[in-house]
């Protein structure tokens, strides 16, 4: 385990990031942006990763914060496929829970 992003990605095949400020956390935005400074997924970070590493993001992406515009666009196909797959999984899970009376 490391707090150094460039060391963390040295052998990574997948680099996954999330938004720094989720819904309901808007009041914490300035602190979170400050706390996560230096942890952006960008070209410099990818240069430390193995060639062919892919980038994933759970969306919504705030380009310029957790991921650079350039990196998002370069990996948009994978990111959007991931979002679509997650949507189908969540729909199927909801259908199962509702069919089994799992939600009360």
N, C-alpha and C. Protein backbone atom coordinates (compact mmCIF):
# COMPACT_ATOMS: atom_id res chain seq x y z
N UNK A 1 0.85 -1.17 0.00
CA UNK A 1 0.00 0.00 0.00
C UNK A 1 0.89 1.23 0.00
N UNK A 2 0.45 2.24 -0.76
CA UNK A 2 1.24 3.46 -0.85
C UNK A 2 0.34 4.66 -1.03
N UNK A 3 0.82 5.78 -0.63
CA UNK A 3 0.12 7.05 -0.86
C UNK A 3 0.72 7.79 -2.05
N UNK A 4 1.62 7.12 -2.76
CA UNK A 4 2.29 7.73 -3.91
C UNK A 4 1.71 7.16 -5.20
N UNK A 5 0.91 7.96 -5.91
CA UNK A 5 0.24 7.46 -7.11
C UNK A 5 1.17 6.84 -8.15
N UNK A 6 2.33 7.45 -8.39
CA UNK A 6 3.23 6.92 -9.42
C UNK A 6 3.79 5.54 -9.05
N UNK A 7 3.96 5.29 -7.78
CA UNK A 7 4.37 3.94 -7.35
C UNK A 7 3.21 2.97 -7.45
N UNK A 8 2.01 3.45 -7.16
CA UNK A 8 0.82 2.59 -7.15
C UNK A 8 0.50 2.05 -8.54
N UNK A 9 0.82 2.78 -9.58
CA UNK A 9 0.44 2.35 -10.93
C UNK A 9 1.55 1.61 -11.68
N UNK A 10 2.69 1.42 -11.07
CA UNK A 10 3.84 0.82 -11.77
C UNK A 10 3.53 -0.52 -12.41
N UNK A 11 2.69 -1.34 -11.79
CA UNK A 11 2.35 -2.64 -12.35
C UNK A 11 0.86 -2.78 -12.61
N UNK A 12 0.14 -1.66 -12.62
CA UNK A 12 -1.32 -1.69 -12.78
C UNK A 12 -1.72 -1.91 -14.23
N UNK A 13 -2.65 -2.81 -14.42
CA UNK A 13 -3.23 -2.99 -15.74
C UNK A 13 -4.47 -2.12 -15.90
N UNK A 14 -5.09 -1.79 -14.76
CA UNK A 14 -6.28 -0.95 -14.74
C UNK A 14 -6.07 0.14 -13.68
N UNK A 15 -6.38 1.36 -14.05
CA UNK A 15 -6.32 2.49 -13.12
C UNK A 15 -7.76 3.00 -13.01
N UNK A 16 -8.27 2.96 -11.80
CA UNK A 16 -9.68 3.27 -11.56
C UNK A 16 -9.78 4.49 -10.66
N UNK A 17 -10.60 5.43 -11.04
CA UNK A 17 -10.80 6.62 -10.22
C UNK A 17 -12.28 6.89 -10.03
N UNK A 18 -12.56 7.70 -9.06
CA UNK A 18 -13.92 8.10 -8.71
C UNK A 18 -13.94 9.61 -8.57
N UNK A 19 -15.11 10.18 -8.56
CA UNK A 19 -15.23 11.61 -8.36
C UNK A 19 -14.75 11.99 -6.97
N UNK A 20 -14.16 13.15 -6.86
CA UNK A 20 -13.68 13.62 -5.55
C UNK A 20 -14.82 14.19 -4.73
N UNK A 21 -15.86 14.68 -5.39
CA UNK A 21 -16.97 15.31 -4.68
C UNK A 21 -18.26 14.67 -5.17
N UNK A 22 -18.87 13.84 -4.33
CA UNK A 22 -20.11 13.16 -4.69
C UNK A 22 -21.32 14.04 -4.34
N UNK A 23 -22.47 13.65 -4.87
CA UNK A 23 -23.71 14.37 -4.55
C UNK A 23 -23.88 14.41 -3.04
N UNK A 24 -24.24 15.57 -2.54
CA UNK A 24 -24.44 15.75 -1.11
C UNK A 24 -23.18 16.16 -0.38
N UNK A 25 -22.06 16.21 -1.08
CA UNK A 25 -20.79 16.60 -0.46
C UNK A 25 -20.28 17.93 -0.99
N UNK A 26 -21.14 18.68 -1.65
CA UNK A 26 -20.72 19.92 -2.28
C UNK A 26 -20.09 20.91 -1.31
N UNK A 27 -20.55 20.91 -0.06
CA UNK A 27 -19.99 21.82 0.94
C UNK A 27 -18.54 21.49 1.28
N UNK A 28 -18.13 20.27 0.97
CA UNK A 28 -16.77 19.81 1.26
C UNK A 28 -15.85 19.94 0.05
N UNK A 29 -16.33 20.52 -1.04
CA UNK A 29 -15.58 20.52 -2.29
C UNK A 29 -14.18 21.12 -2.14
N UNK A 30 -14.06 22.30 -1.58
CA UNK A 30 -12.75 22.95 -1.48
C UNK A 30 -11.76 22.10 -0.69
N UNK A 31 -12.23 21.51 0.41
CA UNK A 31 -11.34 20.68 1.23
C UNK A 31 -10.93 19.43 0.47
N UNK A 32 -11.88 18.79 -0.20
CA UNK A 32 -11.58 17.56 -0.92
C UNK A 32 -10.62 17.82 -2.09
N UNK A 33 -10.84 18.90 -2.83
CA UNK A 33 -9.94 19.24 -3.93
C UNK A 33 -8.53 19.45 -3.38
N UNK A 34 -8.41 20.11 -2.26
CA UNK A 34 -7.11 20.32 -1.64
C UNK A 34 -6.51 18.99 -1.15
N UNK A 35 -7.32 18.17 -0.47
CA UNK A 35 -6.84 16.90 0.07
C UNK A 35 -6.37 15.94 -1.02
N UNK A 36 -7.02 15.96 -2.18
CA UNK A 36 -6.70 15.02 -3.24
C UNK A 36 -5.75 15.59 -4.30
N UNK A 37 -5.28 16.81 -4.09
CA UNK A 37 -4.32 17.39 -5.04
C UNK A 37 -3.14 16.44 -5.19
N UNK A 38 -2.72 16.20 -6.40
CA UNK A 38 -1.62 15.29 -6.65
C UNK A 38 -2.06 13.87 -6.95
N UNK A 39 -3.36 13.61 -6.90
CA UNK A 39 -3.87 12.26 -7.16
C UNK A 39 -4.68 12.19 -8.45
N UNK A 40 -4.52 13.15 -9.32
CA UNK A 40 -5.27 13.16 -10.58
C UNK A 40 -4.75 12.08 -11.52
N UNK A 41 -5.66 11.42 -12.20
CA UNK A 41 -5.29 10.48 -13.26
C UNK A 41 -5.07 11.32 -14.51
N UNK A 42 -3.83 11.34 -14.97
CA UNK A 42 -3.46 12.18 -16.11
C UNK A 42 -2.32 11.53 -16.88
N UNK A 43 -1.83 12.22 -17.90
CA UNK A 43 -0.78 11.66 -18.75
C UNK A 43 0.49 11.35 -17.96
N UNK A 44 0.85 12.20 -17.02
CA UNK A 44 2.05 11.96 -16.22
C UNK A 44 1.91 10.68 -15.39
N UNK A 45 0.74 10.46 -14.83
CA UNK A 45 0.52 9.24 -14.04
C UNK A 45 0.54 8.01 -14.95
N UNK A 46 -0.11 8.11 -16.10
CA UNK A 46 -0.13 6.98 -17.03
C UNK A 46 1.26 6.66 -17.57
N UNK A 47 2.14 7.64 -17.62
CA UNK A 47 3.51 7.40 -18.07
C UNK A 47 4.25 6.47 -17.11
N UNK A 48 3.82 6.43 -15.86
CA UNK A 48 4.43 5.55 -14.85
C UNK A 48 3.82 4.15 -14.86
N UNK A 49 2.72 3.98 -15.57
CA UNK A 49 2.01 2.70 -15.65
C UNK A 49 2.53 1.88 -16.82
N UNK A 50 2.28 0.58 -16.80
CA UNK A 50 2.68 -0.24 -17.95
C UNK A 50 1.97 0.20 -19.23
N UNK A 51 2.63 0.03 -20.32
CA UNK A 51 2.02 0.34 -21.62
C UNK A 51 0.74 -0.49 -21.77
N UNK A 52 -0.32 0.12 -22.20
CA UNK A 52 -1.58 -0.59 -22.40
C UNK A 52 -2.51 -0.58 -21.20
N UNK A 53 -2.09 0.04 -20.10
CA UNK A 53 -2.98 0.14 -18.94
C UNK A 53 -4.23 0.92 -19.35
N UNK A 54 -5.37 0.49 -18.84
CA UNK A 54 -6.61 1.19 -19.16
C UNK A 54 -7.07 2.00 -17.95
N UNK A 55 -7.90 2.98 -18.23
CA UNK A 55 -8.43 3.86 -17.19
C UNK A 55 -9.93 3.65 -17.12
N UNK A 56 -10.43 3.54 -15.90
CA UNK A 56 -11.87 3.41 -15.68
C UNK A 56 -12.31 4.50 -14.69
N UNK A 57 -13.56 4.88 -14.78
CA UNK A 57 -14.12 5.92 -13.91
C UNK A 57 -15.58 5.56 -13.68
N UNK A 58 -16.04 5.67 -12.44
CA UNK A 58 -17.42 5.25 -12.16
C UNK A 58 -18.45 6.31 -12.55
N UNK A 59 -18.01 7.50 -12.90
CA UNK A 59 -18.86 8.62 -13.33
C UNK A 59 -19.78 9.11 -12.21
N UNK A 60 -20.17 10.34 -12.20
CA UNK A 60 -19.83 11.37 -13.16
C UNK A 60 -18.38 11.81 -12.99
N UNK A 61 -17.76 12.17 -14.09
CA UNK A 61 -16.37 12.61 -14.07
C UNK A 61 -16.33 14.14 -14.05
N UNK A 62 -15.49 14.67 -13.21
CA UNK A 62 -15.25 16.11 -13.16
C UNK A 62 -13.86 16.32 -13.72
N UNK A 63 -13.82 16.51 -15.02
CA UNK A 63 -12.55 16.65 -15.73
C UNK A 63 -11.80 17.86 -15.19
N UNK A 64 -10.53 17.65 -14.97
CA UNK A 64 -9.70 18.70 -14.39
C UNK A 64 -9.50 18.51 -12.90
N UNK A 65 -10.30 17.64 -12.30
CA UNK A 65 -10.12 17.31 -10.88
C UNK A 65 -9.51 15.90 -10.80
N UNK A 66 -10.34 14.88 -10.68
CA UNK A 66 -9.81 13.53 -10.49
C UNK A 66 -9.22 12.93 -11.77
N UNK A 67 -9.58 13.47 -12.90
CA UNK A 67 -9.08 12.98 -14.19
C UNK A 67 -8.93 14.16 -15.14
N UNK A 68 -7.86 14.14 -15.91
CA UNK A 68 -7.66 15.22 -16.87
C UNK A 68 -8.57 15.01 -18.08
N UNK A 69 -8.86 16.09 -18.75
CA UNK A 69 -9.68 16.04 -19.96
C UNK A 69 -9.06 15.09 -20.98
N UNK A 70 -7.76 15.22 -21.20
CA UNK A 70 -7.04 14.41 -22.18
C UNK A 70 -7.15 12.91 -21.85
N UNK A 71 -6.97 12.57 -20.60
CA UNK A 71 -7.02 11.17 -20.19
C UNK A 71 -8.43 10.62 -20.29
N UNK A 72 -9.42 11.41 -19.89
CA UNK A 72 -10.81 10.96 -20.01
C UNK A 72 -11.13 10.66 -21.47
N UNK A 73 -10.81 11.58 -22.35
CA UNK A 73 -11.14 11.39 -23.77
C UNK A 73 -10.40 10.19 -24.37
N UNK A 74 -9.15 9.98 -23.97
CA UNK A 74 -8.38 8.86 -24.49
C UNK A 74 -8.95 7.51 -24.07
N UNK A 75 -9.65 7.48 -22.94
CA UNK A 75 -10.19 6.23 -22.40
C UNK A 75 -11.73 6.25 -22.34
N UNK A 76 -12.34 7.17 -23.04
CA UNK A 76 -13.80 7.33 -22.98
C UNK A 76 -14.54 6.07 -23.39
N UNK A 77 -14.03 5.33 -24.35
CA UNK A 77 -14.71 4.11 -24.79
C UNK A 77 -14.85 3.11 -23.65
N UNK A 78 -13.77 2.88 -22.93
CA UNK A 78 -13.80 1.95 -21.80
C UNK A 78 -14.68 2.50 -20.68
N UNK A 79 -14.55 3.79 -20.41
CA UNK A 79 -15.33 4.41 -19.33
C UNK A 79 -16.82 4.31 -19.62
N UNK A 80 -17.21 4.58 -20.86
CA UNK A 80 -18.64 4.52 -21.21
C UNK A 80 -19.16 3.09 -21.24
N UNK A 81 -18.34 2.15 -21.72
CA UNK A 81 -18.75 0.75 -21.67
C UNK A 81 -18.96 0.30 -20.23
N UNK A 82 -18.07 0.71 -19.36
CA UNK A 82 -18.20 0.38 -17.94
C UNK A 82 -19.50 0.93 -17.36
N UNK A 83 -19.82 2.17 -17.70
CA UNK A 83 -21.05 2.79 -17.19
C UNK A 83 -22.28 2.03 -17.71
N UNK A 84 -22.26 1.63 -18.98
CA UNK A 84 -23.38 0.89 -19.54
C UNK A 84 -23.52 -0.48 -18.86
N UNK A 85 -22.42 -1.17 -18.66
CA UNK A 85 -22.46 -2.47 -17.99
C UNK A 85 -22.99 -2.34 -16.57
N UNK A 86 -22.57 -1.30 -15.88
CA UNK A 86 -23.05 -1.08 -14.51
C UNK A 86 -24.56 -0.83 -14.50
N UNK A 87 -25.04 -0.09 -15.47
CA UNK A 87 -26.47 0.18 -15.58
C UNK A 87 -27.25 -1.13 -15.73
N UNK A 88 -26.80 -2.00 -16.62
CA UNK A 88 -27.51 -3.26 -16.83
C UNK A 88 -27.47 -4.14 -15.58
N UNK A 89 -26.33 -4.17 -14.90
CA UNK A 89 -26.24 -4.94 -13.67
C UNK A 89 -27.19 -4.39 -12.61
N UNK A 90 -27.22 -3.09 -12.44
CA UNK A 90 -28.10 -2.49 -11.43
C UNK A 90 -29.56 -2.74 -11.75
N UNK A 91 -29.92 -2.68 -13.02
CA UNK A 91 -31.30 -2.98 -13.41
C UNK A 91 -31.66 -4.42 -13.11
N UNK A 92 -30.75 -5.35 -13.41
CA UNK A 92 -31.00 -6.76 -13.13
C UNK A 92 -31.10 -7.02 -11.64
N UNK A 93 -30.23 -6.41 -10.86
CA UNK A 93 -30.28 -6.57 -9.41
C UNK A 93 -31.59 -6.04 -8.85
N UNK A 94 -32.02 -4.91 -9.31
CA UNK A 94 -33.29 -4.34 -8.86
C UNK A 94 -34.45 -5.27 -9.23
N UNK A 95 -34.44 -5.83 -10.43
CA UNK A 95 -35.49 -6.75 -10.85
C UNK A 95 -35.54 -7.97 -9.94
N UNK A 96 -34.37 -8.51 -9.61
CA UNK A 96 -34.33 -9.69 -8.73
C UNK A 96 -34.85 -9.33 -7.35
N UNK A 97 -34.42 -8.22 -6.82
CA UNK A 97 -34.86 -7.83 -5.47
C UNK A 97 -36.36 -7.59 -5.42
N UNK A 98 -36.89 -6.95 -6.44
CA UNK A 98 -38.33 -6.67 -6.46
C UNK A 98 -39.12 -7.97 -6.65
N UNK A 99 -38.62 -8.86 -7.51
CA UNK A 99 -39.32 -10.12 -7.76
C UNK A 99 -39.34 -11.01 -6.53
N UNK A 100 -38.30 -10.95 -5.74
CA UNK A 100 -38.21 -11.79 -4.55
C UNK A 100 -38.79 -11.10 -3.31
N UNK A 101 -39.30 -9.91 -3.49
CA UNK A 101 -39.81 -9.17 -2.34
C UNK A 101 -38.72 -8.73 -1.41
N UNK A 102 -37.51 -8.59 -1.93
CA UNK A 102 -36.35 -8.24 -1.10
C UNK A 102 -36.38 -6.81 -0.58
N UNK A 103 -37.18 -5.96 -1.22
CA UNK A 103 -37.28 -4.56 -0.78
C UNK A 103 -38.63 -4.41 -0.10
N UNK A 104 -38.61 -3.97 1.10
CA UNK A 104 -39.85 -3.82 1.86
C UNK A 104 -40.06 -2.38 2.24
